[in-house]
Amino acid sequence: LRLRVQQAGGVGRGLLLLARQQVADVVQRLGQHPGDPLGEWVAHPDGVEYAEQLVRLIDTLGDFHVGVASFPETHHRSPDIEHDTRTLVSKLRAGAEYSITQMFFDVEHYLRLRDRVAAADPEQGLKPIIPGIMPVTSLATARRMVELSGSVIPRAVEERVAAAARSLIAENTGGTVMVVAHGADRPQPTTG
């Protein structure tokens, strides 16, 4: 269910409706500029400017579990990775219980994000950062997603998906193989 409103009052009405429907989890995001997702962000005059403000607003309107977006390779509007980390930490401090990452193709980006948040604020670093996983159903779709997100498709991934598309195997199988292959060569945790 997607709640798309521009004004803070509209968010409130929408969230009250969700609360009446017993929706408990809300993943909050400010969204993109209408018509041009990569265009300059201009807040609605009656809206909120920053994601942390929206988290605080949601917190006042019901007993929701709030999740926010996070960006392993940095949000395309962030001036640098440190700013991006501070922004995520501020959303978590404002009351978000978890974050879900933008899609990424290199697990090292995710691990570094997790480590940056823990270093910036150990308490907030305990909150879950859920990897955003999106099956690659076509190379064109993946390219569009990285264009919108600011992430990068590693050459090896692009080559594997292209090779799968050329073979008799469906293109989305190439994406599934990549999800499995990302963890295949990583050391596994030991218990003891």
Protein backbone atom coordinates (compact mmCIF):
# COMPACT_ATOMS: atom_id res chain seq x y z
CA LEU A 1 0.00 0.00 0.00
CA ARG A 2 1.48 3.34 -0.99
CA LEU A 3 0.34 6.52 0.69
CA ARG A 4 1.25 9.42 -1.58
CA VAL A 5 0.59 12.85 -0.14
CA GLN A 6 2.47 16.11 -0.25
CA GLN A 7 1.08 18.00 2.73
CA ALA A 8 1.72 17.18 6.38
CA GLY A 9 -2.06 17.27 6.99
CA GLY A 10 -2.57 14.74 4.22
CA VAL A 11 0.00 12.45 5.82
CA GLY A 12 -1.87 12.72 9.11
CA ARG A 13 -5.22 11.85 7.54
CA GLY A 14 -3.65 8.98 5.63
CA LEU A 15 -1.93 7.56 8.71
CA LEU A 16 -5.10 7.79 10.80
CA LEU A 17 -6.86 5.81 8.07
CA LEU A 18 -4.06 3.21 8.17
CA ALA A 19 -4.29 3.02 11.97
CA ARG A 20 -8.03 2.35 11.73
CA GLN A 21 -7.22 -0.48 9.31
CA GLN A 22 -4.81 -1.88 11.95
CA VAL A 23 -1.71 -1.25 9.85
CA ALA A 24 1.22 -1.33 12.26
CA ASP A 25 4.31 -0.90 10.08
CA VAL A 26 5.09 2.20 8.04
CA VAL A 27 8.14 2.60 5.84
CA GLN A 28 8.59 6.32 5.47
CA ARG A 29 10.28 8.16 2.67
CA LEU A 30 10.04 11.69 1.40
CA GLY A 31 9.78 10.56 -2.19
CA GLN A 32 10.95 12.08 -5.43
CA HIS A 33 10.26 15.31 -7.17
CA PRO A 34 7.04 14.98 -9.21
CA GLY A 35 7.82 14.32 -12.86
CA ASP A 36 11.60 14.12 -12.42
CA PRO A 37 12.85 11.70 -9.75
CA LEU A 38 16.36 13.13 -10.05
CA GLY A 39 15.19 16.75 -10.09
CA GLU A 40 15.88 19.25 -7.35
CA TRP A 41 14.00 18.47 -4.11
CA VAL A 42 11.57 21.22 -3.19
CA ALA A 43 9.51 20.64 -0.06
CA HIS A 44 5.79 21.31 -0.24
CA PRO A 45 5.00 24.57 1.61
CA ASP A 46 2.68 22.70 3.98
CA GLY A 47 4.85 19.60 4.18
CA VAL A 48 8.07 18.56 5.85
CA GLU A 49 11.54 19.16 4.48
CA TYR A 50 13.52 16.39 6.14
CA ALA A 51 12.84 12.69 6.60
CA GLU A 52 13.50 12.89 10.34
CA GLN A 53 10.64 15.42 10.61
CA LEU A 54 8.34 12.95 8.90
CA VAL A 55 9.43 10.19 11.30
CA ARG A 56 8.55 12.45 14.26
CA LEU A 57 5.19 13.33 12.67
CA ILE A 58 4.33 9.67 12.11
CA ASP A 59 5.24 8.96 15.75
CA THR A 60 2.64 11.50 16.95
CA LEU A 61 -0.16 9.98 14.87
CA GLY A 62 -0.32 6.39 16.01
CA ASP A 63 1.43 3.37 17.38
CA PHE A 64 3.37 2.57 14.24
CA HIS A 65 6.62 0.71 13.75
CA VAL A 66 8.50 3.11 11.49
CA GLY A 67 11.13 2.14 8.98
CA VAL A 68 13.21 4.48 6.85
CA ALA A 69 15.33 4.31 3.73
CA SER A 70 19.09 3.91 3.84
CA PHE A 71 21.66 4.08 1.09
CA PRO A 72 24.74 1.82 1.09
CA GLU A 73 26.28 3.80 -1.77
CA THR A 74 25.05 7.22 -0.61
CA HIS A 75 21.84 9.02 -1.55
CA HIS A 76 22.24 10.87 -4.84
CA ARG A 77 21.54 14.21 -3.11
CA SER A 78 24.05 13.72 -0.29
CA PRO A 79 27.24 15.73 -0.63
CA ASP A 80 29.29 12.88 0.87
CA ILE A 81 29.08 9.59 2.71
CA GLU A 82 29.52 11.19 6.15
CA HIS A 83 26.51 13.45 5.56
CA ASP A 84 24.50 10.46 4.39
CA THR A 85 25.44 8.53 7.55
CA ARG A 86 24.46 11.47 9.79
CA THR A 87 21.12 11.69 7.98
CA LEU A 88 20.36 8.00 8.60
CA VAL A 89 21.40 8.26 12.25
CA SER A 90 19.12 11.31 12.68
CA LYS A 91 16.16 9.37 11.24
CA LEU A 92 16.87 6.49 13.62
CA ARG A 93 17.21 8.86 16.60
CA ALA A 94 13.90 10.50 15.62
CA GLY A 95 12.17 7.18 16.25
CA ALA A 96 12.67 4.92 13.25
CA GLU A 97 13.04 1.33 14.43
CA TYR A 98 14.81 -0.01 11.34
CA SER A 99 15.94 0.95 7.87
CA ILE A 100 15.69 -0.80 4.53
CA THR A 101 18.51 -0.15 2.09
CA GLN A 102 18.31 0.91 -1.48
CA MET A 103 19.27 -1.96 -3.77
CA PHE A 104 22.98 -2.62 -4.03
CA PHE A 105 25.16 -5.12 -5.85
CA ASP A 106 28.24 -5.27 -3.63
CA VAL A 107 27.76 -6.54 -0.09
CA GLU A 108 30.78 -4.51 1.03
CA HIS A 109 28.74 -1.31 0.59
CA TYR A 110 26.12 -2.70 2.96
CA LEU A 111 28.71 -3.82 5.53
CA ARG A 112 30.41 -0.42 5.48
CA LEU A 113 27.02 1.32 5.96
CA ARG A 114 26.31 -0.87 8.97
CA ASP A 115 29.74 -0.14 10.43
CA ARG A 116 29.44 3.63 9.84
CA VAL A 117 26.10 3.79 11.65
CA ALA A 118 27.44 1.77 14.59
CA ALA A 119 30.52 4.01 14.81
CA ALA A 120 28.46 7.21 14.60
CA ASP A 121 25.97 6.12 17.29
CA PRO A 122 26.37 2.69 18.90
CA GLU A 123 22.78 2.74 20.21
CA GLN A 124 21.30 3.42 16.77
CA GLY A 125 23.75 0.93 15.28
CA LEU A 126 21.87 -1.82 17.13
CA LYS A 127 18.75 -1.19 15.04
CA PRO A 128 18.26 -3.46 12.02
CA ILE A 129 19.49 -2.31 8.63
CA ILE A 130 17.62 -4.61 6.28
CA PRO A 131 19.23 -5.22 2.89
CA GLY A 132 16.97 -4.09 0.06
CA ILE A 133 16.87 -7.02 -2.31
CA MET A 134 15.29 -6.67 -5.71
CA PRO A 135 15.35 -9.46 -8.27
CA VAL A 136 17.00 -8.41 -11.49
CA THR A 137 14.37 -9.28 -14.07
CA SER A 138 16.05 -7.40 -16.89
CA LEU A 139 19.24 -5.49 -17.45
CA ALA A 140 17.22 -2.47 -18.61
CA THR A 141 15.26 -2.40 -15.35
CA ALA A 142 18.42 -2.76 -13.28
CA ARG A 143 20.06 0.09 -15.19
CA ARG A 144 17.03 2.31 -14.58
CA MET A 145 17.04 1.49 -10.87
CA VAL A 146 20.71 2.39 -10.47
CA GLU A 147 20.13 5.58 -12.44
CA LEU A 148 17.44 6.56 -9.94
CA SER A 149 19.30 5.41 -6.85
CA GLY A 150 22.83 6.52 -7.59
CA SER A 151 24.25 3.04 -7.10
CA VAL A 152 26.48 1.24 -9.58
CA ILE A 153 26.13 -2.14 -11.28
CA PRO A 154 29.53 -3.82 -11.11
CA ARG A 155 30.78 -4.90 -14.52
CA ALA A 156 30.86 -8.58 -13.48
CA VAL A 157 27.18 -8.47 -12.47
CA GLU A 158 26.19 -6.71 -15.68
CA GLU A 159 28.10 -9.29 -17.73
CA ARG A 160 26.45 -12.21 -15.91
CA VAL A 161 22.95 -10.82 -16.36
CA ALA A 162 23.64 -10.06 -20.03
CA ALA A 163 25.01 -13.58 -20.53
CA ALA A 164 21.94 -15.09 -18.89
CA ALA A 165 19.70 -13.00 -21.14
CA ARG A 166 21.50 -14.33 -24.20
CA SER A 167 21.18 -17.92 -23.08
CA LEU A 168 18.07 -20.05 -22.95
CA ILE A 169 17.82 -19.27 -19.22
CA ALA A 170 15.34 -16.52 -18.37
CA GLU A 171 16.93 -13.18 -17.54
CA ASN A 172 15.56 -13.19 -13.98
CA THR A 173 17.45 -16.42 -13.28
CA GLY A 174 20.67 -14.45 -13.75
CA GLY A 175 19.49 -12.11 -11.00
CA THR A 176 18.65 -14.98 -8.70
CA VAL A 177 22.05 -16.55 -9.28
CA MET A 178 23.69 -13.25 -8.30
CA VAL A 179 21.81 -13.12 -4.99
CA VAL A 180 23.10 -16.59 -4.15
CA ALA A 181 26.59 -15.95 -5.52
CA HIS A 182 27.14 -12.78 -3.46
CA GLY A 183 27.39 -14.79 -0.26
CA ALA A 184 28.95 -17.93 -1.66
CA ASP A 185 32.56 -16.77 -1.38
CA ARG A 186 32.21 -14.93 1.94
CA PRO A 187 33.47 -16.51 5.18
CA GLN A 188 30.60 -17.92 7.17
CA PRO A 189 30.20 -17.03 10.84
CA THR A 190 31.25 -19.72 13.30
CA THR A 191 29.67 -20.50 16.61
CA GLY A 192 31.50 -21.79 19.55
